[in-house]
Amino acid sequence: MLETTPFRIVNIYAQTDKRAESIIVGSRAGLETLKQAIELALSHKESSCRVAPSDLETYDVRIIVNNESLDSLFWSEMKLPYSDLDDNSKDKKSPHNYLDFGVRDSESLRRKEAIMVAYKETEAYKSISGL
């Protein structure tokens, strides 16, 4: 008999470079949770869900919907998923920055950019970023 897990397991493996694939592996419960969060984001422009990888250490998946053109400030300033391998992306903004500062579109990025830059100069930022 095939056993199933009731846990919301989702392992997300990021791209390692530009043309590498991303892989999502999960239990049915985990993938259904992720699906519901995506559907909610499509309706409300933002959503999140709590899942766990196979070691059961829970984490949040946060989803933002942005339909601006690719040449918009929002997309042109955001780091690419594999940018940790690219030294040319130092000036790009992490999606974590967008989420932490409430940036959801180019207009909110314009309004919050000075605050984001000022925060990078604080001791608090330097201590958590290892600078």
N, C-alpha and C. Protein backbone atom coordinates (compact mmCIF):
# COMPACT_ATOMS: atom_id res chain seq x y z
N MET A 1 0.84 -1.18 0.00
CA MET A 1 0.00 0.00 0.00
C MET A 1 0.88 1.25 0.00
N LEU A 2 0.51 2.22 -0.81
CA LEU A 2 1.25 3.46 -0.94
C LEU A 2 0.90 4.40 0.20
N GLU A 3 1.90 4.86 0.92
CA GLU A 3 1.65 5.81 2.00
C GLU A 3 1.66 7.23 1.46
N THR A 4 0.83 8.09 2.04
CA THR A 4 0.83 9.50 1.67
C THR A 4 1.12 10.32 2.91
N THR A 5 1.65 11.52 2.69
CA THR A 5 1.95 12.39 3.82
C THR A 5 0.91 13.50 3.91
N PRO A 6 0.44 13.79 5.13
CA PRO A 6 -0.49 14.90 5.31
C PRO A 6 0.24 16.25 5.38
N PHE A 7 1.55 16.21 5.43
CA PHE A 7 2.33 17.44 5.58
C PHE A 7 2.36 18.22 4.27
N ARG A 8 2.43 19.54 4.40
CA ARG A 8 2.51 20.42 3.23
C ARG A 8 3.99 20.58 2.85
N ILE A 9 4.51 19.57 2.20
CA ILE A 9 5.92 19.54 1.81
C ILE A 9 6.09 20.21 0.45
N VAL A 10 6.99 21.19 0.39
CA VAL A 10 7.36 21.83 -0.87
C VAL A 10 8.85 22.14 -0.82
N ASN A 11 9.60 21.46 -1.65
CA ASN A 11 11.02 21.76 -1.82
C ASN A 11 11.14 22.58 -3.11
N ILE A 12 11.69 23.78 -3.00
CA ILE A 12 11.88 24.64 -4.17
C ILE A 12 13.38 24.78 -4.41
N TYR A 13 13.81 24.36 -5.58
CA TYR A 13 15.21 24.41 -5.96
C TYR A 13 15.39 25.51 -6.99
N ALA A 14 16.16 26.52 -6.65
CA ALA A 14 16.35 27.69 -7.50
C ALA A 14 17.26 27.40 -8.68
N GLN A 15 17.18 28.29 -9.68
CA GLN A 15 18.09 28.22 -10.82
C GLN A 15 19.51 28.42 -10.35
N THR A 16 20.42 27.70 -10.93
CA THR A 16 21.83 27.88 -10.61
C THR A 16 22.52 28.82 -11.59
N ASP A 17 21.92 29.00 -12.75
CA ASP A 17 22.42 29.98 -13.72
C ASP A 17 21.30 30.32 -14.69
N LYS A 18 21.61 31.15 -15.67
CA LYS A 18 20.58 31.71 -16.55
C LYS A 18 19.70 30.68 -17.23
N ARG A 19 20.24 29.63 -17.70
CA ARG A 19 19.44 28.68 -18.48
C ARG A 19 19.10 27.41 -17.71
N ALA A 20 19.45 27.37 -16.45
CA ALA A 20 19.15 26.19 -15.63
C ALA A 20 17.68 26.16 -15.26
N GLU A 21 17.18 24.98 -15.04
CA GLU A 21 15.78 24.86 -14.65
C GLU A 21 15.62 25.07 -13.15
N SER A 22 14.45 25.51 -12.76
CA SER A 22 14.04 25.51 -11.36
C SER A 22 13.18 24.28 -11.18
N ILE A 23 13.22 23.71 -9.99
CA ILE A 23 12.45 22.50 -9.74
C ILE A 23 11.64 22.68 -8.46
N ILE A 24 10.38 22.29 -8.52
CA ILE A 24 9.53 22.27 -7.35
C ILE A 24 9.08 20.83 -7.15
N VAL A 25 9.35 20.29 -5.97
CA VAL A 25 8.95 18.93 -5.63
C VAL A 25 8.13 19.03 -4.35
N GLY A 26 6.97 18.40 -4.33
CA GLY A 26 6.17 18.50 -3.12
C GLY A 26 5.15 17.40 -2.97
N SER A 27 4.62 17.31 -1.77
CA SER A 27 3.49 16.40 -1.53
C SER A 27 2.25 17.03 -2.15
N ARG A 28 1.22 16.25 -2.32
CA ARG A 28 -0.02 16.79 -2.87
C ARG A 28 -0.53 17.92 -1.98
N ALA A 29 -0.49 17.73 -0.67
CA ALA A 29 -0.98 18.78 0.25
C ALA A 29 -0.16 20.05 0.10
N GLY A 30 1.15 19.92 -0.05
CA GLY A 30 2.01 21.09 -0.22
C GLY A 30 1.76 21.80 -1.53
N LEU A 31 1.63 21.04 -2.60
CA LEU A 31 1.40 21.65 -3.91
C LEU A 31 0.01 22.27 -4.01
N GLU A 32 -0.99 21.67 -3.35
CA GLU A 32 -2.33 22.27 -3.31
C GLU A 32 -2.29 23.59 -2.55
N THR A 33 -1.53 23.64 -1.46
CA THR A 33 -1.38 24.88 -0.68
C THR A 33 -0.74 25.96 -1.55
N LEU A 34 0.30 25.60 -2.27
CA LEU A 34 0.97 26.55 -3.16
C LEU A 34 0.02 27.00 -4.27
N LYS A 35 -0.74 26.08 -4.83
CA LYS A 35 -1.72 26.41 -5.87
C LYS A 35 -2.75 27.41 -5.35
N GLN A 36 -3.26 27.17 -4.15
CA GLN A 36 -4.26 28.08 -3.57
C GLN A 36 -3.66 29.47 -3.36
N ALA A 37 -2.41 29.53 -2.93
CA ALA A 37 -1.75 30.82 -2.72
C ALA A 37 -1.57 31.56 -4.04
N ILE A 38 -1.24 30.84 -5.09
CA ILE A 38 -1.09 31.46 -6.42
C ILE A 38 -2.44 31.98 -6.90
N GLU A 39 -3.48 31.18 -6.74
CA GLU A 39 -4.82 31.62 -7.16
C GLU A 39 -5.26 32.85 -6.37
N LEU A 40 -4.96 32.88 -5.09
CA LEU A 40 -5.30 34.04 -4.26
C LEU A 40 -4.53 35.28 -4.72
N ALA A 41 -3.26 35.10 -5.04
CA ALA A 41 -2.45 36.22 -5.53
C ALA A 41 -2.99 36.74 -6.86
N LEU A 42 -3.44 35.85 -7.72
CA LEU A 42 -3.99 36.28 -8.99
C LEU A 42 -5.26 37.12 -8.80
N SER A 43 -5.98 36.87 -7.73
CA SER A 43 -7.19 37.64 -7.42
C SER A 43 -6.90 38.93 -6.67
N HIS A 44 -5.88 38.89 -5.78
CA HIS A 44 -5.63 40.00 -4.87
C HIS A 44 -4.26 40.66 -5.02
N LYS A 45 -3.51 40.25 -6.02
CA LYS A 45 -2.19 40.81 -6.35
C LYS A 45 -1.07 40.41 -5.40
N GLU A 46 -1.41 39.73 -4.31
CA GLU A 46 -0.39 39.33 -3.35
C GLU A 46 -0.95 38.21 -2.49
N SER A 47 -0.07 37.32 -2.07
CA SER A 47 -0.49 36.21 -1.22
C SER A 47 0.74 35.56 -0.60
N SER A 48 0.50 34.66 0.33
CA SER A 48 1.58 33.86 0.88
C SER A 48 1.00 32.56 1.42
N CYS A 49 1.87 31.61 1.63
CA CYS A 49 1.45 30.36 2.26
C CYS A 49 2.63 29.81 3.05
N ARG A 50 2.32 28.98 4.02
CA ARG A 50 3.36 28.35 4.84
C ARG A 50 3.43 26.88 4.47
N VAL A 51 4.62 26.46 4.09
CA VAL A 51 4.88 25.07 3.74
C VAL A 51 6.18 24.65 4.42
N ALA A 52 6.62 23.44 4.16
CA ALA A 52 7.87 22.96 4.75
C ALA A 52 8.60 22.11 3.72
N PRO A 53 9.94 22.17 3.74
CA PRO A 53 10.68 21.21 2.94
C PRO A 53 10.64 19.86 3.66
N SER A 54 11.31 18.89 3.14
CA SER A 54 11.22 17.55 3.69
C SER A 54 11.85 17.39 5.08
N ASP A 55 12.51 18.44 5.59
CA ASP A 55 13.00 18.38 6.98
C ASP A 55 11.99 18.99 7.96
N LEU A 56 10.84 19.43 7.44
CA LEU A 56 9.72 19.97 8.22
C LEU A 56 10.01 21.30 8.92
N GLU A 57 11.06 22.01 8.49
CA GLU A 57 11.30 23.37 8.99
C GLU A 57 10.46 24.32 8.14
N THR A 58 9.37 24.83 8.69
CA THR A 58 8.43 25.60 7.89
C THR A 58 9.03 26.92 7.40
N TYR A 59 8.51 27.37 6.26
CA TYR A 59 8.90 28.65 5.69
C TYR A 59 7.71 29.21 4.91
N ASP A 60 7.74 30.51 4.64
CA ASP A 60 6.68 31.15 3.89
C ASP A 60 7.09 31.33 2.44
N VAL A 61 6.15 31.09 1.55
CA VAL A 61 6.30 31.42 0.14
C VAL A 61 5.45 32.66 -0.08
N ARG A 62 6.06 33.73 -0.54
CA ARG A 62 5.34 34.98 -0.78
C ARG A 62 5.25 35.22 -2.27
N ILE A 63 4.07 35.63 -2.71
CA ILE A 63 3.79 35.78 -4.13
C ILE A 63 3.27 37.18 -4.40
N ILE A 64 3.86 37.85 -5.38
CA ILE A 64 3.40 39.17 -5.83
C ILE A 64 3.07 39.06 -7.31
N VAL A 65 1.96 39.65 -7.71
CA VAL A 65 1.61 39.73 -9.13
C VAL A 65 1.91 41.15 -9.60
N ASN A 66 2.68 41.27 -10.67
CA ASN A 66 2.97 42.58 -11.25
C ASN A 66 2.94 42.42 -12.77
N ASN A 67 2.02 43.11 -13.41
CA ASN A 67 1.85 43.00 -14.86
C ASN A 67 2.44 44.17 -15.63
N GLU A 68 3.33 44.93 -15.00
CA GLU A 68 3.97 46.03 -15.72
C GLU A 68 4.88 45.48 -16.81
N SER A 69 5.22 46.33 -17.76
CA SER A 69 6.10 45.90 -18.85
C SER A 69 7.49 45.60 -18.29
N LEU A 70 8.22 44.77 -19.02
CA LEU A 70 9.55 44.36 -18.57
C LEU A 70 10.53 45.52 -18.47
N ASP A 71 10.29 46.61 -19.19
CA ASP A 71 11.19 47.76 -19.09
C ASP A 71 10.77 48.73 -17.99
N SER A 72 9.78 48.37 -17.19
CA SER A 72 9.36 49.24 -16.09
C SER A 72 10.44 49.26 -15.00
N LEU A 73 10.38 50.27 -14.16
CA LEU A 73 11.32 50.39 -13.05
C LEU A 73 11.26 49.15 -12.16
N PHE A 74 10.06 48.67 -11.89
CA PHE A 74 9.87 47.51 -11.03
C PHE A 74 10.72 46.33 -11.49
N TRP A 75 10.57 45.94 -12.75
CA TRP A 75 11.28 44.77 -13.27
C TRP A 75 12.75 45.07 -13.54
N SER A 76 13.05 46.26 -14.02
CA SER A 76 14.45 46.54 -14.37
C SER A 76 15.34 46.68 -13.14
N GLU A 77 14.78 46.98 -11.99
CA GLU A 77 15.57 47.12 -10.76
C GLU A 77 15.64 45.85 -9.93
N MET A 78 14.80 44.86 -10.24
CA MET A 78 14.78 43.63 -9.44
C MET A 78 15.87 42.67 -9.88
N LYS A 79 16.52 42.07 -8.88
CA LYS A 79 17.52 41.05 -9.16
C LYS A 79 16.88 39.88 -9.87
N LEU A 80 17.65 39.25 -10.72
CA LEU A 80 17.21 38.02 -11.36
C LEU A 80 17.40 36.86 -10.38
N PRO A 81 16.69 35.76 -10.57
CA PRO A 81 16.76 34.66 -9.59
C PRO A 81 18.15 34.07 -9.42
N TYR A 82 18.97 34.13 -10.43
CA TYR A 82 20.31 33.55 -10.36
C TYR A 82 21.38 34.62 -10.18
N SER A 83 21.00 35.81 -9.74
CA SER A 83 21.91 36.94 -9.70
C SER A 83 22.99 36.84 -8.62
N ASP A 84 22.83 35.93 -7.66
CA ASP A 84 23.90 35.78 -6.66
C ASP A 84 25.18 35.29 -7.32
N LEU A 85 25.07 34.75 -8.51
CA LEU A 85 26.25 34.29 -9.25
C LEU A 85 26.83 35.38 -10.13
N ASP A 86 26.17 36.54 -10.19
CA ASP A 86 26.51 37.60 -11.13
C ASP A 86 26.93 38.86 -10.37
N ASP A 87 28.21 39.22 -10.45
CA ASP A 87 28.69 40.42 -9.76
C ASP A 87 28.10 41.70 -10.33
N ASN A 88 27.58 41.67 -11.55
CA ASN A 88 27.02 42.86 -12.17
C ASN A 88 25.65 43.24 -11.60
N SER A 89 25.11 42.43 -10.72
CA SER A 89 23.77 42.68 -10.20
C SER A 89 23.78 43.31 -8.80
N LYS A 90 24.93 43.78 -8.34
CA LYS A 90 25.03 44.34 -6.98
C LYS A 90 24.06 45.49 -6.74
N ASP A 91 23.78 46.28 -7.76
CA ASP A 91 22.90 47.44 -7.59
C ASP A 91 21.43 47.09 -7.75
N LYS A 92 21.12 45.87 -8.10
CA LYS A 92 19.72 45.45 -8.27
C LYS A 92 19.12 45.17 -6.89
N LYS A 93 17.81 45.24 -6.83
CA LYS A 93 17.11 45.05 -5.56
C LYS A 93 16.58 43.63 -5.46
N SER A 94 16.75 43.07 -4.30
CA SER A 94 16.23 41.73 -4.02
C SER A 94 14.72 41.78 -3.89
N PRO A 95 14.03 40.73 -4.27
CA PRO A 95 12.59 40.71 -4.04
C PRO A 95 12.26 40.83 -2.55
N HIS A 96 13.20 40.44 -1.69
CA HIS A 96 13.00 40.63 -0.25
C HIS A 96 12.90 42.11 0.08
N ASN A 97 13.72 42.94 -0.57
CA ASN A 97 13.63 44.39 -0.37
C ASN A 97 12.25 44.89 -0.78
N TYR A 98 11.78 44.42 -1.91
CA TYR A 98 10.46 44.83 -2.39
C TYR A 98 9.40 44.47 -1.36
N LEU A 99 9.44 43.24 -0.87
CA LEU A 99 8.44 42.80 0.10
C LEU A 99 8.56 43.57 1.41
N ASP A 100 9.77 43.70 1.92
CA ASP A 100 9.98 44.37 3.22
C ASP A 100 9.56 45.82 3.21
N PHE A 101 9.70 46.49 2.07
CA PHE A 101 9.38 47.92 1.99
C PHE A 101 8.03 48.19 1.32
N GLY A 102 7.26 47.15 1.06
CA GLY A 102 5.93 47.33 0.50
C GLY A 102 5.92 47.75 -0.96
N VAL A 103 6.97 47.42 -1.70
CA VAL A 103 7.03 47.76 -3.12
C VAL A 103 6.27 46.70 -3.91
N ARG A 104 5.27 47.16 -4.65
CA ARG A 104 4.47 46.23 -5.45
C ARG A 104 4.40 46.63 -6.91
N ASP A 105 4.91 47.85 -7.22
CA ASP A 105 4.88 48.34 -8.60
C ASP A 105 5.92 49.45 -8.72
N SER A 106 6.10 49.97 -9.93
CA SER A 106 7.11 51.01 -10.17
C SER A 106 6.85 52.27 -9.36
N GLU A 107 5.59 52.63 -9.24
CA GLU A 107 5.26 53.85 -8.49
C GLU A 107 5.65 53.71 -7.02
N SER A 108 5.34 52.59 -6.40
CA SER A 108 5.72 52.42 -4.99
C SER A 108 7.24 52.31 -4.86
N LEU A 109 7.92 51.77 -5.86
CA LEU A 109 9.39 51.73 -5.83
C LEU A 109 9.95 53.15 -5.88
N ARG A 110 9.40 54.01 -6.74
CA ARG A 110 9.87 55.40 -6.79
C ARG A 110 9.68 56.09 -5.44
N ARG A 111 8.55 55.85 -4.79
CA ARG A 111 8.27 56.49 -3.50
C ARG A 111 9.18 55.97 -2.39
N LYS A 112 9.56 54.71 -2.44
CA LYS A 112 10.29 54.09 -1.33
C LYS A 112 11.79 53.96 -1.57
N GLU A 113 12.24 54.27 -2.77
CA GLU A 113 13.65 54.03 -3.11
C GLU A 113 14.61 54.77 -2.19
N ALA A 114 14.34 56.02 -1.87
CA ALA A 114 15.23 56.78 -0.98
C ALA A 114 15.29 56.14 0.41
N ILE A 115 14.17 55.66 0.89
CA ILE A 115 14.14 54.99 2.20
C ILE A 115 14.95 53.70 2.15
N MET A 116 14.83 52.96 1.05
CA MET A 116 15.58 51.72 0.90
C MET A 116 17.08 51.98 0.87
N VAL A 117 17.48 53.02 0.15
CA VAL A 117 18.90 53.37 0.07
C VAL A 117 19.42 53.81 1.43
N ALA A 118 18.65 54.63 2.13
CA ALA A 118 19.05 55.10 3.46
C ALA A 118 19.19 53.93 4.43
N TYR A 119 18.30 52.98 4.34
CA TYR A 119 18.36 51.82 5.24
C TYR A 119 19.65 51.03 5.02
N LYS A 120 20.09 50.92 3.75
CA LYS A 120 21.32 50.18 3.47
C LYS A 120 22.54 50.81 4.14
N GLU A 121 22.43 52.08 4.52
CA GLU A 121 23.54 52.77 5.18
C GLU A 121 23.52 52.61 6.70
N THR A 122 22.46 52.04 7.25
CA THR A 122 22.35 51.92 8.70
C THR A 122 23.18 50.77 9.24
N GLU A 123 23.51 50.85 10.50
CA GLU A 123 24.26 49.78 11.16
C GLU A 123 23.43 48.51 11.23
N ALA A 124 22.13 48.65 11.40
CA ALA A 124 21.25 47.48 11.47
C ALA A 124 21.36 46.66 10.19
N TYR A 125 21.30 47.33 9.04
CA TYR A 125 21.40 46.63 7.77
C TYR A 125 22.78 45.97 7.64
N LYS A 126 23.82 46.72 7.96
CA LYS A 126 25.18 46.20 7.83
C LYS A 126 25.41 44.98 8.72
N SER A 127 24.80 44.98 9.90
CA SER A 127 25.00 43.84 10.81
C SER A 127 24.29 42.59 10.32
N ILE A 128 23.10 42.76 9.71
CA ILE A 128 22.39 41.55 9.24
C ILE A 128 22.87 41.10 7.87
N SER A 129 23.49 41.98 7.10
CA SER A 129 23.95 41.60 5.77
C SER A 129 25.42 41.17 5.77
N GLY A 130 26.08 41.26 6.92
CA GLY A 130 27.46 40.83 7.02
C GLY A 130 28.47 41.81 6.46
N LEU A 131 28.07 43.08 6.30
CA LEU A 131 29.02 44.07 5.76
C LEU A 131 29.88 44.67 6.85
